[in-house]
Amino acid sequence: MEHRVTAVLVAAGSSTRMGFDKLSFDLGGETVLERSVRAFDECPEVDELVIVTGASSENAQRAAARCKKPVRLVKGGSTRAESARSGVAAAHGRLVAVHDAARPFVSQSVIADTIAAAARCGAAAPAVPVKDTIKQAKGGNGKTVPEGCMVENTPDRSTLYAVQTPQCFDRAAYLAALDELDEASARLVTDDCSLFELTGRPVELVQGDYANIKITTREDLPRTENGGKKMRIGHGYDVHRLVEGRKLILGGVEVPYEKGLLGHSDADVLAHAVMDAVLGAAALGDIGQHFPDTAEEYAGADSLMLARRVAEILTEHGWRIETIAATILFHRPQPAPHIPALRAKPAPAPHPVFPQPSHSVYKSNKKSHAHGGILAASAVRPWLHPKAPGWTKP
């Protein structure tokens, strides 16, 4: 029995501009690819799915395993056009909806409206009016503005639309258009709609959605507010008094000194500030909420062990710390002899959600606001990103 509509998700790109596999990026419980696949799996107008994969199909297999509808995986080609053609060739539907898997925020209404328009005229795509003034000038490399780039023309913005996906077509007409193109014309195909345009076939634009963004570079990631998570910056501050009869623990390092910090746990002022900062940035409370000083189980606790639990909480909620900047303020003892040990200390726990503390800065404060300088304080500012499998710092 022939399916009426097949969704073809093109997921064969190399993500060279991103620096890691963007389709594996965690949006909080599901990857970019899984979210894109789910949008079509839940769409009543779609009967089956085809996922076009790259060299590795592991991510696509996980996404397919979550689907309730029939799913096929096919290998893509060396270009997006070849990958789209492979997906369409494997489809069974009378209509095909070709979608960039890097657009995970496509809505059900955009999918349904585009399919309905393609059923009427043979080809349709969602689009949004261009908001910016567009200038036409000499061609560049598509990445930077070339030198001596003089404006040649300013098109009427009311006639310009930014085209999105899914782009939907009559499958038979799509394959026929491919056969009609010669090699020179095929090089002019920039998206699936242009295939129809170059062969004289009509294409209808329907209302798209500005939230239906394509994740192409790292700069796109903080803008994924529609169900995703953007970068967060937090601030943590902690202060403890120095008293006799206590060990002085800073960042998990025992600093030889006649006094130590007063507190319910080991009173590690640096670890406490870090935990408060990252929990606050992720809107997940503070250490008083997670480790109350009224609980006997935390009496004398190793703060790095508490940091392990904080790391687990961040991971459970889909967050990863990119950078931590910390400042310790105290008068005695002098910090200089202990800075190498603090910097060499492994990340709390250690845990992959915490970066190495090589970004921290330690200061001696000659004008301490405590009596005789018997106080230590730490201020921390972390930068949080959603987790990204395979993410490496640039």
Protein backbone atom coordinates (compact mmCIF):
# COMPACT_ATOMS: atom_id res chain seq x y z
CA MET A 1 0.00 0.00 0.00
CA GLU A 2 1.46 3.39 -1.03
CA HIS A 3 2.00 5.99 1.66
CA ARG A 4 0.54 9.40 0.89
CA VAL A 5 3.32 11.54 2.41
CA THR A 6 6.95 10.66 3.14
CA ALA A 7 9.12 12.96 5.25
CA VAL A 8 12.75 12.92 4.06
CA LEU A 9 15.11 14.24 6.74
CA VAL A 10 18.52 15.12 5.33
CA ALA A 11 21.07 14.39 8.07
CA ALA A 12 24.20 13.62 6.04
CA GLY A 13 26.12 16.88 6.53
CA SER A 14 29.65 17.03 7.94
CA SER A 15 29.04 19.99 10.32
CA THR A 16 32.40 21.49 9.31
CA ARG A 17 31.32 25.04 10.20
CA MET A 18 30.15 23.90 13.64
CA GLY A 19 33.27 21.99 14.66
CA PHE A 20 31.33 19.05 16.10
CA ASP A 21 28.31 16.97 15.08
CA LYS A 22 25.54 19.54 15.47
CA LEU A 23 22.81 16.92 14.99
CA SER A 24 24.01 15.23 18.19
CA PHE A 25 23.76 18.46 20.16
CA ASP A 26 21.66 17.92 23.30
CA LEU A 27 18.58 20.13 23.49
CA GLY A 28 17.65 18.86 26.94
CA GLY A 29 16.77 15.18 26.74
CA GLU A 30 16.92 14.75 22.98
CA THR A 31 19.37 15.60 20.22
CA VAL A 32 18.79 18.03 17.37
CA LEU A 33 18.15 15.09 15.03
CA GLU A 34 15.80 13.35 17.46
CA ARG A 35 13.74 16.51 17.87
CA SER A 36 13.51 17.03 14.10
CA VAL A 37 12.47 13.41 13.59
CA ARG A 38 9.88 13.65 16.36
CA ALA A 39 8.23 16.64 14.69
CA PHE A 40 7.38 14.53 11.64
CA ASP A 41 6.66 11.35 13.57
CA GLU A 42 3.96 13.26 15.47
CA CYS A 43 2.53 14.99 12.39
CA PRO A 44 -0.80 13.37 11.32
CA GLU A 45 -0.20 14.27 7.66
CA VAL A 46 3.03 12.22 7.46
CA ASP A 47 2.83 8.47 6.88
CA GLU A 48 6.48 7.38 6.85
CA LEU A 49 9.97 8.80 7.36
CA VAL A 50 13.27 8.44 5.53
CA ILE A 51 16.43 9.58 7.32
CA VAL A 52 19.40 10.27 5.05
CA THR A 53 22.57 9.59 7.03
CA GLY A 54 26.23 10.47 6.69
CA ALA A 55 29.25 8.29 7.36
CA SER A 56 27.88 7.29 10.75
CA SER A 57 24.26 6.28 11.27
CA GLU A 58 24.37 5.76 15.05
CA ASN A 59 22.53 8.99 15.88
CA ALA A 60 19.92 8.29 13.18
CA GLN A 61 19.38 4.77 14.48
CA ARG A 62 18.64 6.12 17.95
CA ALA A 63 16.21 8.65 16.51
CA ALA A 64 14.51 5.99 14.39
CA ALA A 65 14.10 3.69 17.38
CA ARG A 66 11.86 6.32 19.03
CA CYS A 67 9.48 6.56 16.06
CA LYS A 68 5.99 5.08 15.96
CA LYS A 69 5.78 5.35 12.16
CA PRO A 70 7.75 3.33 9.58
CA VAL A 71 11.32 4.64 9.18
CA ARG A 72 14.00 3.87 6.62
CA LEU A 73 17.66 4.85 6.81
CA VAL A 74 19.57 5.50 3.58
CA LYS A 75 23.10 6.71 2.92
CA GLY A 76 23.58 10.22 1.63
CA GLY A 77 25.88 11.49 -1.09
CA SER A 78 28.80 13.88 -1.23
CA THR A 79 26.50 16.93 -1.61
CA ARG A 80 23.20 17.92 -0.09
CA ALA A 81 21.50 17.64 -3.49
CA GLU A 82 22.71 14.04 -3.85
CA SER A 83 21.57 13.22 -0.32
CA ALA A 84 18.11 14.68 -0.94
CA ARG A 85 17.83 12.69 -4.17
CA SER A 86 18.74 9.46 -2.33
CA GLY A 87 16.05 10.16 0.25
CA VAL A 88 13.36 10.95 -2.33
CA ALA A 89 14.26 7.84 -4.32
CA ALA A 90 13.74 5.71 -1.21
CA ALA A 91 10.36 7.28 -0.40
CA HIS A 92 7.02 5.61 -1.12
CA GLY A 93 4.72 8.62 -0.73
CA ARG A 94 3.01 10.48 -3.55
CA LEU A 95 4.27 13.61 -1.79
CA VAL A 96 7.69 14.07 -0.21
CA ALA A 97 8.56 16.63 2.47
CA VAL A 98 12.32 17.25 2.35
CA HIS A 99 13.58 18.74 5.62
CA ASP A 100 16.96 19.89 6.88
CA ALA A 101 17.48 17.89 10.07
CA ALA A 102 19.32 20.91 11.50
CA ARG A 103 15.96 22.72 11.83
CA PRO A 104 14.67 21.07 15.02
CA PHE A 105 12.06 23.71 15.90
CA VAL A 106 9.73 23.26 12.93
CA SER A 107 6.08 23.44 14.01
CA GLN A 108 3.22 21.12 13.16
CA SER A 109 1.33 23.94 11.44
CA VAL A 110 4.26 24.75 9.13
CA ILE A 111 4.57 21.09 8.13
CA ALA A 112 0.83 20.69 7.55
CA ASP A 113 0.42 23.94 5.59
CA THR A 114 3.35 23.17 3.32
CA ILE A 115 2.10 19.65 2.58
CA ALA A 116 -1.38 21.02 1.78
CA ALA A 117 0.06 23.60 -0.65
CA ALA A 118 2.21 20.96 -2.39
CA ALA A 119 -0.86 18.76 -2.81
CA ARG A 120 -2.53 21.66 -4.66
CA CYS A 121 0.27 22.83 -6.95
CA GLY A 122 3.02 20.21 -6.88
CA ALA A 123 5.69 22.13 -4.94
CA ALA A 124 5.67 24.36 -1.87
CA ALA A 125 7.99 25.70 0.81
CA PRO A 126 7.59 27.69 4.03
CA ALA A 127 9.07 31.17 4.04
CA VAL A 128 9.20 34.32 6.15
CA PRO A 129 9.50 37.93 4.98
CA VAL A 130 13.07 39.24 5.17
CA LYS A 131 13.42 41.70 8.06
CA ASP A 132 16.74 43.29 7.10
CA THR A 133 17.54 45.53 4.16
CA ILE A 134 19.40 43.45 1.57
CA LYS A 135 22.22 44.87 -0.54
CA GLN A 136 23.34 43.27 -3.79
CA ALA A 137 27.08 43.51 -4.51
CA LYS A 138 29.90 41.48 -6.03
CA GLY A 139 30.02 37.84 -5.12
CA GLY A 140 32.13 36.58 -2.21
CA ASN A 141 32.81 33.25 -0.58
CA GLY A 142 29.59 33.23 1.40
CA LYS A 143 31.46 33.59 4.70
CA THR A 144 32.97 37.08 4.74
CA VAL A 145 32.48 40.37 2.90
CA PRO A 146 35.23 40.71 0.25
CA GLU A 147 37.43 43.78 0.02
CA GLY A 148 36.16 46.56 -2.22
CA CYS A 149 32.61 45.26 -2.00
CA MET A 150 30.59 48.12 -3.53
CA VAL A 151 26.80 48.15 -3.45
CA GLU A 152 25.20 47.54 -6.86
CA ASN A 153 21.53 47.39 -6.00
CA THR A 154 19.03 47.41 -3.14
CA PRO A 155 16.16 45.00 -3.91
CA ASP A 156 12.65 45.85 -2.75
CA ARG A 157 12.47 44.09 0.61
CA SER A 158 8.72 43.50 0.27
CA THR A 159 9.47 40.98 -2.51
CA LEU A 160 12.13 39.04 -0.57
CA TYR A 161 11.45 35.93 1.51
CA ALA A 162 13.79 33.66 3.48
CA VAL A 163 12.92 30.10 2.52
CA GLN A 164 12.87 27.30 5.10
CA THR A 165 12.13 23.59 5.16
CA PRO A 166 10.31 21.24 4.84
CA GLN A 167 10.06 21.80 1.12
CA CYS A 168 7.30 19.57 -0.23
CA PHE A 169 6.85 18.16 -3.71
CA ASP A 170 4.98 15.74 -5.87
CA ARG A 171 7.49 12.88 -5.85
CA ALA A 172 7.04 11.92 -9.50
CA ALA A 173 7.51 15.55 -10.60
CA TYR A 174 10.64 15.84 -8.41
CA LEU A 175 12.27 12.81 -10.04
CA ALA A 176 11.23 14.00 -13.50
CA ALA A 177 12.78 17.42 -12.88
CA LEU A 178 16.05 15.76 -11.88
CA ASP A 179 16.13 13.87 -15.17
CA GLU A 180 15.51 17.06 -17.15
CA LEU A 181 18.46 19.00 -15.73
CA ASP A 182 21.77 18.99 -17.55
CA GLU A 183 25.04 19.08 -15.62
CA ALA A 184 25.46 22.86 -15.91
CA SER A 185 21.92 23.54 -14.66
CA ALA A 186 22.32 21.05 -11.82
CA ARG A 187 25.13 23.18 -10.38
CA LEU A 188 22.64 26.06 -10.01
CA VAL A 189 20.43 24.07 -7.63
CA THR A 190 20.79 25.67 -4.18
CA ASP A 191 17.73 24.09 -2.58
CA ASP A 192 15.05 21.62 -3.61
CA CYS A 193 12.67 24.36 -4.79
CA SER A 194 15.25 25.68 -7.25
CA LEU A 195 15.11 22.28 -8.96
CA PHE A 196 11.48 23.00 -9.84
CA GLU A 197 12.19 26.62 -10.74
CA LEU A 198 14.97 25.69 -13.18
CA THR A 199 12.69 23.24 -14.96
CA GLY A 200 9.81 25.73 -15.29
CA ARG A 201 7.59 24.23 -12.61
CA PRO A 202 5.65 26.47 -10.17
CA VAL A 203 6.51 26.69 -6.48
CA GLU A 204 4.16 28.15 -3.88
CA LEU A 205 5.43 29.83 -0.70
CA VAL A 206 3.42 29.46 2.51
CA GLN A 207 3.84 31.22 5.86
CA GLY A 208 6.83 29.86 7.74
CA ASP A 209 7.99 30.58 11.27
CA TYR A 210 10.89 32.79 12.41
CA ALA A 211 11.52 30.23 15.16
CA ASN A 212 12.20 27.56 12.51
CA ILE A 213 15.92 28.38 12.50
CA LYS A 214 18.66 26.31 10.95
CA ILE A 215 21.55 25.48 13.27
CA THR A 216 24.64 26.05 11.16
CA THR A 217 27.33 27.62 13.35
CA ARG A 218 27.97 27.90 17.09
CA GLU A 219 26.42 31.37 17.04
CA ASP A 220 23.05 29.76 16.29
CA LEU A 221 23.05 27.69 19.49
CA PRO A 222 22.31 30.45 22.06
CA ARG A 223 19.32 31.48 19.93
CA THR A 224 17.54 28.14 20.40
CA GLU A 225 15.11 29.50 22.98
CA ASN A 226 12.09 27.71 21.45
CA GLY A 227 12.32 24.62 23.57
CA GLY A 228 16.10 24.54 23.62
CA LYS A 229 18.55 26.13 26.03
CA LYS A 230 20.74 29.14 25.51
CA MET A 231 24.03 30.04 27.12
CA ARG A 232 23.75 31.14 30.74
CA ILE A 233 26.11 33.27 32.84
CA GLY A 234 25.87 33.06 36.62
CA HIS A 235 27.51 34.55 39.71
CA GLY A 236 28.42 32.96 43.00
CA TYR A 237 29.81 34.45 46.19
CA ASP A 238 30.66 32.81 49.48
CA VAL A 239 32.41 34.03 52.62
CA HIS A 240 33.62 32.21 55.76
CA ARG A 241 35.41 33.39 58.88
CA LEU A 242 38.82 32.03 59.81
CA VAL A 243 38.88 30.39 63.25
CA GLU A 244 41.24 28.25 65.26
CA GLY A 245 40.86 24.49 65.39
CA ARG A 246 39.81 24.08 61.72
CA LYS A 247 41.61 23.02 58.55
CA LEU A 248 41.90 25.59 55.78
CA ILE A 249 40.53 23.98 52.60
CA LEU A 250 40.46 25.92 49.32
CA GLY A 251 39.41 24.25 46.08
CA GLY A 252 39.94 20.85 47.67
CA VAL A 253 43.51 21.73 48.63
CA GLU A 254 44.53 21.79 52.31
CA VAL A 255 46.50 25.00 52.85
CA PRO A 256 48.86 24.83 55.85
CA TYR A 257 47.81 27.57 58.26
CA GLU A 258 47.08 28.06 61.95
CA LYS A 259 43.39 28.68 61.29
CA GLY A 260 40.67 27.27 59.10
CA LEU A 261 37.31 28.35 57.74
CA LEU A 262 34.25 28.03 59.94
CA GLY A 263 31.28 26.16 58.46
CA HIS A 264 28.99 23.14 58.66
CA SER A 265 30.94 21.20 56.01
CA ASP A 266 34.65 21.66 55.36
CA ALA A 267 33.78 25.31 54.52
CA ASP A 268 35.68 25.25 51.20
CA VAL A 269 34.84 28.80 50.18
CA LEU A 270 35.96 28.32 46.56
CA ALA A 271 34.00 25.10 46.00
CA HIS A 272 30.91 26.63 47.62
CA ALA A 273 31.03 29.71 45.40
CA VAL A 274 31.46 27.53 42.31
CA MET A 275 28.48 25.36 43.24
CA ASP A 276 26.25 28.34 44.00
CA ALA A 277 27.28 30.03 40.74
CA VAL A 278 26.56 27.11 38.45
CA LEU A 279 23.32 26.16 40.20
CA GLY A 280 22.16 29.76 39.97
CA ALA A 281 23.05 30.05 36.30
CA ALA A 282 21.00 26.94 35.57
CA ALA A 283 18.12 28.14 37.82
CA LEU A 284 18.49 25.02 39.97
CA GLY A 285 18.54 26.55 43.44
CA ASP A 286 21.60 26.92 45.66
CA ILE A 287 23.76 24.76 47.92
CA GLY A 288 21.65 25.67 50.97
CA GLN A 289 18.68 24.07 49.24
CA HIS A 290 20.53 20.94 48.13
CA PHE A 291 22.81 20.53 51.17
CA PRO A 292 21.14 22.28 54.15
CA ASP A 293 23.40 23.07 57.10
CA THR A 294 20.77 21.59 59.39
CA ALA A 295 21.35 18.12 57.92
CA GLU A 296 23.73 16.05 60.01
CA GLU A 297 24.84 14.05 56.96
CA TYR A 298 26.70 17.11 55.64
CA ALA A 299 28.56 17.91 58.86
CA GLY A 300 32.26 18.10 57.92
CA ALA A 301 31.46 17.00 54.37
CA ASP A 302 34.11 17.15 51.65
CA SER A 303 32.89 19.98 49.42
CA LEU A 304 34.32 18.34 46.31
CA MET A 305 32.05 15.38 46.96
CA LEU A 306 29.13 17.82 47.14
CA ALA A 307 30.39 19.30 43.87
CA ARG A 308 30.12 15.84 42.33
CA ARG A 309 26.42 15.84 43.14
CA VAL A 310 26.04 19.36 41.69
CA ALA A 311 27.75 18.12 38.52
CA GLU A 312 25.26 15.26 38.32
CA ILE A 313 22.34 17.69 38.78
CA LEU A 314 23.62 19.88 35.94
CA THR A 315 24.08 16.86 33.68
CA GLU A 316 20.59 15.60 34.47
CA HIS A 317 19.20 18.97 33.35
CA GLY A 318 21.27 19.12 30.17
CA TRP A 319 23.93 21.67 31.15
CA ARG A 320 27.68 21.77 30.69
CA ILE A 321 30.07 24.41 32.06
CA GLU A 322 32.24 25.97 29.40
CA THR A 323 34.37 28.27 31.60
CA ILE A 324 34.72 29.27 35.25
CA ALA A 325 36.42 32.47 36.42
CA ALA A 326 37.05 32.62 40.17
CA THR A 327 38.63 35.11 42.55
CA ILE A 328 39.64 34.36 46.16
CA LEU A 329 40.01 37.31 48.53
CA PHE A 330 42.01 36.92 51.74
CA HIS A 331 44.84 38.55 53.67
CA ARG A 332 46.54 35.65 55.40
CA PRO A 333 48.05 33.29 54.45
CA GLN A 334 49.62 34.66 51.31
CA PRO A 335 48.18 32.81 48.30
CA ALA A 336 51.22 32.76 45.98
CA PRO A 337 52.84 29.55 47.31
CA HIS A 338 49.57 27.64 46.96
CA ILE A 339 48.41 28.77 43.51
CA PRO A 340 50.16 25.88 41.63
CA ALA A 341 48.41 23.29 43.82
CA LEU A 342 45.05 25.00 43.35
CA ARG A 343 45.48 25.11 39.59
CA ALA A 344 46.66 21.49 39.45
CA LYS A 345 43.73 20.16 41.46
CA PRO A 346 41.45 18.05 39.21
CA ALA A 347 38.02 19.38 38.35
CA PRO A 348 35.55 18.71 41.19
CA ALA A 349 34.83 15.04 41.58
CA PRO A 350 36.36 14.94 38.81
CA HIS A 351 33.37 15.22 36.50
CA PRO A 352 33.13 16.08 32.78
CA VAL A 353 30.61 18.85 33.40
CA PHE A 354 33.29 20.86 35.26
CA PRO A 355 36.23 22.36 33.38
CA GLN A 356 39.73 22.26 34.77
CA PRO A 357 40.29 25.23 37.14
CA SER A 358 42.98 26.70 34.93
CA HIS A 359 40.74 29.70 34.26
CA SER A 360 40.65 30.72 37.92
CA VAL A 361 42.37 33.83 39.29
CA TYR A 362 43.51 34.05 42.90
CA LYS A 363 44.19 37.34 44.68
CA SER A 364 45.45 38.48 48.04
CA ASN A 365 43.33 41.25 49.48
CA LYS A 366 45.38 43.69 51.61
CA LYS A 367 42.26 45.63 52.59
CA SER A 368 40.14 42.83 53.92
CA HIS A 369 36.88 43.96 55.50
CA ALA A 370 37.22 41.36 58.28
CA HIS A 371 38.75 42.06 61.66
CA GLY A 372 42.48 41.71 61.16
CA GLY A 373 41.95 40.09 57.76
CA ILE A 374 40.65 36.83 59.28
CA LEU A 375 38.22 36.10 56.46
CA ALA A 376 38.22 34.35 53.10
CA ALA A 377 35.78 35.01 50.29
CA SER A 378 35.39 33.71 46.76
CA ALA A 379 33.54 35.16 43.77
CA VAL A 380 32.82 32.96 40.77
CA ARG A 381 31.37 33.60 37.33
CA PRO A 382 30.58 30.54 35.18
CA TRP A 383 29.51 30.28 31.54
CA LEU A 384 27.07 27.42 30.89
CA HIS A 385 26.16 25.82 27.58
CA PRO A 386 23.71 23.03 26.80
CA LYS A 387 25.59 19.75 26.61
CA ALA A 388 27.07 18.86 23.23
CA PRO A 389 28.35 15.34 22.62
CA GLY A 390 31.81 15.64 21.17
CA TRP A 391 32.11 19.34 22.07
CA THR A 392 35.68 20.53 22.30
CA LYS A 393 36.76 24.03 23.25
CA PRO A 394 37.73 26.20 20.29
